[in-house]
């Protein structure tokens, strides 16, 4: 999910939440209740999509950091000894 897609999904969640609030303040007839359920389901789906995208991005960042830390880790005496031809 790109940054633009996340921004659009966040905007849509805000829009849906406002619609839900307005509908809850309206009369509780079947069409209003159905609309609330549809908007809520769509918003839940968007929130889950955003959460998955953020988790994937966090995992990628964690892997990159781990790789960078491993690559730039200072060598210990054992590492130097193990790397020597006589070690």
N, C-alpha and C. Protein backbone atom coordinates (compact mmCIF):
# COMPACT_ATOMS: atom_id res chain seq x y z
N UNK A 1 0.85 -1.17 0.00
CA UNK A 1 0.00 0.00 0.00
C UNK A 1 0.90 1.23 0.00
N UNK A 2 0.71 2.09 -0.98
CA UNK A 2 1.53 3.29 -1.08
C UNK A 2 1.10 4.33 -0.06
N UNK A 3 1.93 5.34 0.11
CA UNK A 3 1.56 6.43 1.04
C UNK A 3 0.28 7.11 0.59
N UNK A 4 0.14 7.29 -0.73
CA UNK A 4 -1.09 7.91 -1.24
C UNK A 4 -2.31 7.05 -0.94
N UNK A 5 -2.17 5.74 -1.12
CA UNK A 5 -3.28 4.83 -0.85
C UNK A 5 -3.66 4.85 0.64
N UNK A 6 -2.65 4.92 1.50
CA UNK A 6 -2.92 5.00 2.94
C UNK A 6 -3.63 6.31 3.26
N UNK A 7 -3.18 7.40 2.68
CA UNK A 7 -3.81 8.71 2.92
C UNK A 7 -5.27 8.69 2.45
N UNK A 8 -5.51 8.11 1.29
CA UNK A 8 -6.88 8.03 0.78
C UNK A 8 -7.74 7.15 1.69
N UNK A 9 -7.19 6.02 2.13
CA UNK A 9 -7.94 5.14 3.02
C UNK A 9 -8.24 5.83 4.35
N UNK A 10 -7.28 6.58 4.87
CA UNK A 10 -7.51 7.31 6.11
C UNK A 10 -8.60 8.37 5.92
N UNK A 11 -8.55 9.08 4.79
CA UNK A 11 -9.58 10.09 4.51
C UNK A 11 -10.95 9.43 4.41
N UNK A 12 -10.99 8.28 3.72
CA UNK A 12 -12.27 7.60 3.55
C UNK A 12 -12.81 7.10 4.90
N UNK A 13 -11.93 6.64 5.78
CA UNK A 13 -12.36 6.22 7.12
C UNK A 13 -12.98 7.40 7.87
N UNK A 14 -12.35 8.55 7.77
CA UNK A 14 -12.88 9.75 8.42
C UNK A 14 -14.24 10.10 7.85
N UNK A 15 -14.37 10.05 6.54
CA UNK A 15 -15.63 10.34 5.87
C UNK A 15 -16.72 9.36 6.32
N UNK A 16 -16.38 8.07 6.35
CA UNK A 16 -17.36 7.06 6.76
C UNK A 16 -17.75 7.24 8.22
N UNK A 17 -16.79 7.55 9.06
CA UNK A 17 -17.10 7.75 10.48
C UNK A 17 -18.06 8.92 10.67
N UNK A 18 -17.85 10.01 9.92
CA UNK A 18 -18.77 11.15 10.01
C UNK A 18 -20.16 10.77 9.53
N UNK A 19 -20.24 9.99 8.46
CA UNK A 19 -21.54 9.53 7.95
C UNK A 19 -22.25 8.68 8.99
N UNK A 20 -21.50 7.80 9.64
CA UNK A 20 -22.08 6.92 10.66
C UNK A 20 -22.64 7.76 11.81
N UNK A 21 -21.87 8.75 12.25
CA UNK A 21 -22.34 9.62 13.34
C UNK A 21 -23.63 10.33 12.95
N UNK A 22 -23.65 10.85 11.71
CA UNK A 22 -24.86 11.55 11.25
C UNK A 22 -26.04 10.59 11.17
N UNK A 23 -25.83 9.40 10.68
CA UNK A 23 -26.92 8.43 10.56
C UNK A 23 -27.43 7.97 11.92
N UNK A 24 -26.53 7.82 12.87
CA UNK A 24 -26.96 7.41 14.22
C UNK A 24 -27.83 8.48 14.86
N UNK A 25 -27.57 9.73 14.50
CA UNK A 25 -28.38 10.83 15.04
C UNK A 25 -29.74 10.91 14.34
N UNK A 26 -29.85 10.30 13.17
CA UNK A 26 -31.12 10.30 12.42
C UNK A 26 -32.05 9.24 13.00
N UNK A 27 -33.18 9.11 12.36
CA UNK A 27 -34.16 8.13 12.85
C UNK A 27 -33.63 6.71 12.68
N UNK A 28 -33.94 5.85 13.64
CA UNK A 28 -33.39 4.48 13.62
C UNK A 28 -34.24 3.51 12.77
N UNK A 29 -34.61 3.90 11.55
CA UNK A 29 -35.38 2.97 10.73
C UNK A 29 -34.44 1.96 10.06
N UNK A 30 -35.00 1.00 9.37
CA UNK A 30 -34.23 -0.11 8.81
C UNK A 30 -33.21 0.36 7.76
N UNK A 31 -33.56 1.34 6.94
CA UNK A 31 -32.61 1.79 5.91
C UNK A 31 -31.41 2.48 6.53
N UNK A 32 -31.65 3.25 7.59
CA UNK A 32 -30.55 3.94 8.28
C UNK A 32 -29.66 2.92 8.96
N UNK A 33 -30.25 1.95 9.63
CA UNK A 33 -29.48 0.92 10.31
C UNK A 33 -28.66 0.10 9.31
N UNK A 34 -29.25 -0.19 8.14
CA UNK A 34 -28.53 -0.91 7.10
C UNK A 34 -27.37 -0.11 6.55
N UNK A 35 -27.58 1.20 6.36
CA UNK A 35 -26.51 2.07 5.86
C UNK A 35 -25.36 2.13 6.88
N UNK A 36 -25.71 2.24 8.15
CA UNK A 36 -24.68 2.27 9.20
C UNK A 36 -23.87 0.98 9.16
N UNK A 37 -24.54 -0.14 9.03
CA UNK A 37 -23.83 -1.43 8.99
C UNK A 37 -22.90 -1.51 7.78
N UNK A 38 -23.36 -1.03 6.62
CA UNK A 38 -22.52 -1.05 5.42
C UNK A 38 -21.30 -0.15 5.58
N UNK A 39 -21.53 1.07 6.07
CA UNK A 39 -20.42 2.01 6.26
C UNK A 39 -19.43 1.47 7.30
N UNK A 40 -19.96 0.88 8.35
CA UNK A 40 -19.09 0.34 9.40
C UNK A 40 -18.26 -0.82 8.86
N UNK A 41 -18.87 -1.69 8.07
CA UNK A 41 -18.14 -2.82 7.48
C UNK A 41 -17.04 -2.32 6.54
N UNK A 42 -17.35 -1.30 5.74
CA UNK A 42 -16.35 -0.75 4.83
C UNK A 42 -15.21 -0.11 5.61
N UNK A 43 -15.56 0.61 6.66
CA UNK A 43 -14.54 1.26 7.47
C UNK A 43 -13.67 0.21 8.17
N UNK A 44 -14.28 -0.85 8.70
CA UNK A 44 -13.51 -1.92 9.34
C UNK A 44 -12.53 -2.56 8.36
N UNK A 45 -13.00 -2.76 7.12
CA UNK A 45 -12.14 -3.34 6.08
C UNK A 45 -10.96 -2.41 5.79
N UNK A 46 -11.23 -1.12 5.65
CA UNK A 46 -10.15 -0.16 5.39
C UNK A 46 -9.15 -0.10 6.52
N UNK A 47 -9.64 -0.11 7.74
CA UNK A 47 -8.75 -0.07 8.90
C UNK A 47 -7.88 -1.32 8.94
N UNK A 48 -8.46 -2.48 8.65
CA UNK A 48 -7.68 -3.72 8.62
C UNK A 48 -6.63 -3.68 7.51
N UNK A 49 -6.99 -3.12 6.36
CA UNK A 49 -6.05 -3.00 5.25
C UNK A 49 -4.89 -2.09 5.63
N UNK A 50 -5.20 -0.98 6.26
CA UNK A 50 -4.15 -0.05 6.71
C UNK A 50 -3.25 -0.74 7.74
N UNK A 51 -3.86 -1.47 8.67
CA UNK A 51 -3.08 -2.15 9.70
C UNK A 51 -2.14 -3.18 9.09
N UNK A 52 -2.63 -3.96 8.11
CA UNK A 52 -1.77 -4.94 7.44
C UNK A 52 -0.63 -4.26 6.69
N UNK A 53 -0.94 -3.18 6.01
CA UNK A 53 0.09 -2.46 5.26
C UNK A 53 1.15 -1.90 6.21
N UNK A 54 0.72 -1.36 7.32
CA UNK A 54 1.67 -0.82 8.30
C UNK A 54 2.51 -1.93 8.91
N UNK A 55 1.90 -3.08 9.19
CA UNK A 55 2.66 -4.20 9.75
C UNK A 55 3.71 -4.69 8.76
N UNK A 56 3.34 -4.77 7.48
CA UNK A 56 4.31 -5.18 6.46
C UNK A 56 5.44 -4.17 6.35
N UNK A 57 5.10 -2.89 6.36
CA UNK A 57 6.12 -1.84 6.29
C UNK A 57 7.04 -1.90 7.50
N UNK A 58 6.47 -2.12 8.68
CA UNK A 58 7.28 -2.23 9.90
C UNK A 58 8.22 -3.43 9.81
N UNK A 59 7.72 -4.54 9.26
CA UNK A 59 8.56 -5.74 9.13
C UNK A 59 9.72 -5.48 8.17
N UNK A 60 9.45 -4.79 7.07
CA UNK A 60 10.50 -4.47 6.11
C UNK A 60 11.56 -3.58 6.77
N UNK A 61 11.11 -2.57 7.50
CA UNK A 61 12.05 -1.67 8.18
C UNK A 61 12.87 -2.43 9.20
N UNK A 62 12.24 -3.33 9.96
CA UNK A 62 12.96 -4.11 10.96
C UNK A 62 14.02 -5.00 10.30
N UNK A 63 13.67 -5.61 9.17
CA UNK A 63 14.64 -6.44 8.46
C UNK A 63 15.81 -5.61 7.95
N UNK A 64 15.51 -4.45 7.40
CA UNK A 64 16.57 -3.58 6.89
C UNK A 64 17.49 -3.11 8.02
N UNK A 65 16.88 -2.77 9.14
CA UNK A 65 17.70 -2.33 10.29
C UNK A 65 18.57 -3.46 10.80
N UNK A 66 17.99 -4.66 10.87
CA UNK A 66 18.77 -5.81 11.34
C UNK A 66 19.92 -6.10 10.39
N UNK A 67 19.66 -6.02 9.10
CA UNK A 67 20.71 -6.27 8.12
C UNK A 67 21.79 -5.19 8.21
N UNK A 68 21.37 -3.96 8.38
CA UNK A 68 22.33 -2.86 8.51
C UNK A 68 23.16 -3.01 9.78
N UNK A 69 22.51 -3.39 10.86
CA UNK A 69 23.23 -3.57 12.13
C UNK A 69 24.21 -4.72 12.03
N UNK A 70 23.81 -5.78 11.35
CA UNK A 70 24.69 -6.94 11.18
C UNK A 70 25.89 -6.58 10.30
N UNK A 71 25.63 -5.78 9.30
CA UNK A 71 26.69 -5.39 8.37
C UNK A 71 27.69 -4.43 9.03
N UNK A 72 27.22 -3.58 9.91
CA UNK A 72 28.08 -2.57 10.54
C UNK A 72 28.49 -2.92 11.95
N UNK A 73 28.25 -4.14 12.36
CA UNK A 73 28.59 -4.55 13.72
C UNK A 73 30.11 -4.58 13.90
N UNK A 74 30.60 -4.02 14.99
CA UNK A 74 32.05 -4.07 15.22
C UNK A 74 32.49 -5.52 15.45
N UNK A 75 33.64 -5.84 14.96
CA UNK A 75 34.13 -7.21 15.10
C UNK A 75 34.71 -7.41 16.49
N UNK A 76 34.44 -8.55 17.06
CA UNK A 76 34.99 -8.89 18.37
C UNK A 76 36.31 -9.63 18.17
N UNK A 77 37.01 -9.89 19.26
CA UNK A 77 38.28 -10.63 19.18
C UNK A 77 38.06 -12.01 18.59
N UNK A 78 36.96 -12.66 18.97
CA UNK A 78 36.68 -14.00 18.45
C UNK A 78 36.43 -13.93 16.95
N UNK A 79 35.74 -12.90 16.49
CA UNK A 79 35.44 -12.78 15.06
C UNK A 79 36.72 -12.58 14.27
N UNK A 80 37.63 -11.79 14.83
CA UNK A 80 38.91 -11.58 14.15
C UNK A 80 39.71 -12.87 14.12
N UNK A 81 39.75 -13.59 15.25
CA UNK A 81 40.49 -14.84 15.32
C UNK A 81 39.90 -15.88 14.37
N UNK A 82 38.53 -15.98 14.36
CA UNK A 82 37.88 -16.96 13.50
C UNK A 82 38.07 -16.64 12.03
N UNK A 83 38.27 -15.38 11.69
CA UNK A 83 38.43 -14.98 10.29
C UNK A 83 39.86 -15.15 9.81
N UNK A 84 40.81 -15.32 10.74
CA UNK A 84 42.20 -15.43 10.32
C UNK A 84 42.45 -16.80 9.72
N UNK A 85 43.41 -16.91 8.78
CA UNK A 85 43.67 -18.19 8.12
C UNK A 85 44.16 -19.26 9.09
N UNK A 86 44.81 -18.87 10.16
CA UNK A 86 45.34 -19.87 11.11
C UNK A 86 44.32 -20.24 12.17
N UNK A 87 43.16 -19.46 12.27
CA UNK A 87 42.18 -19.63 13.34
C UNK A 87 41.35 -20.78 13.21
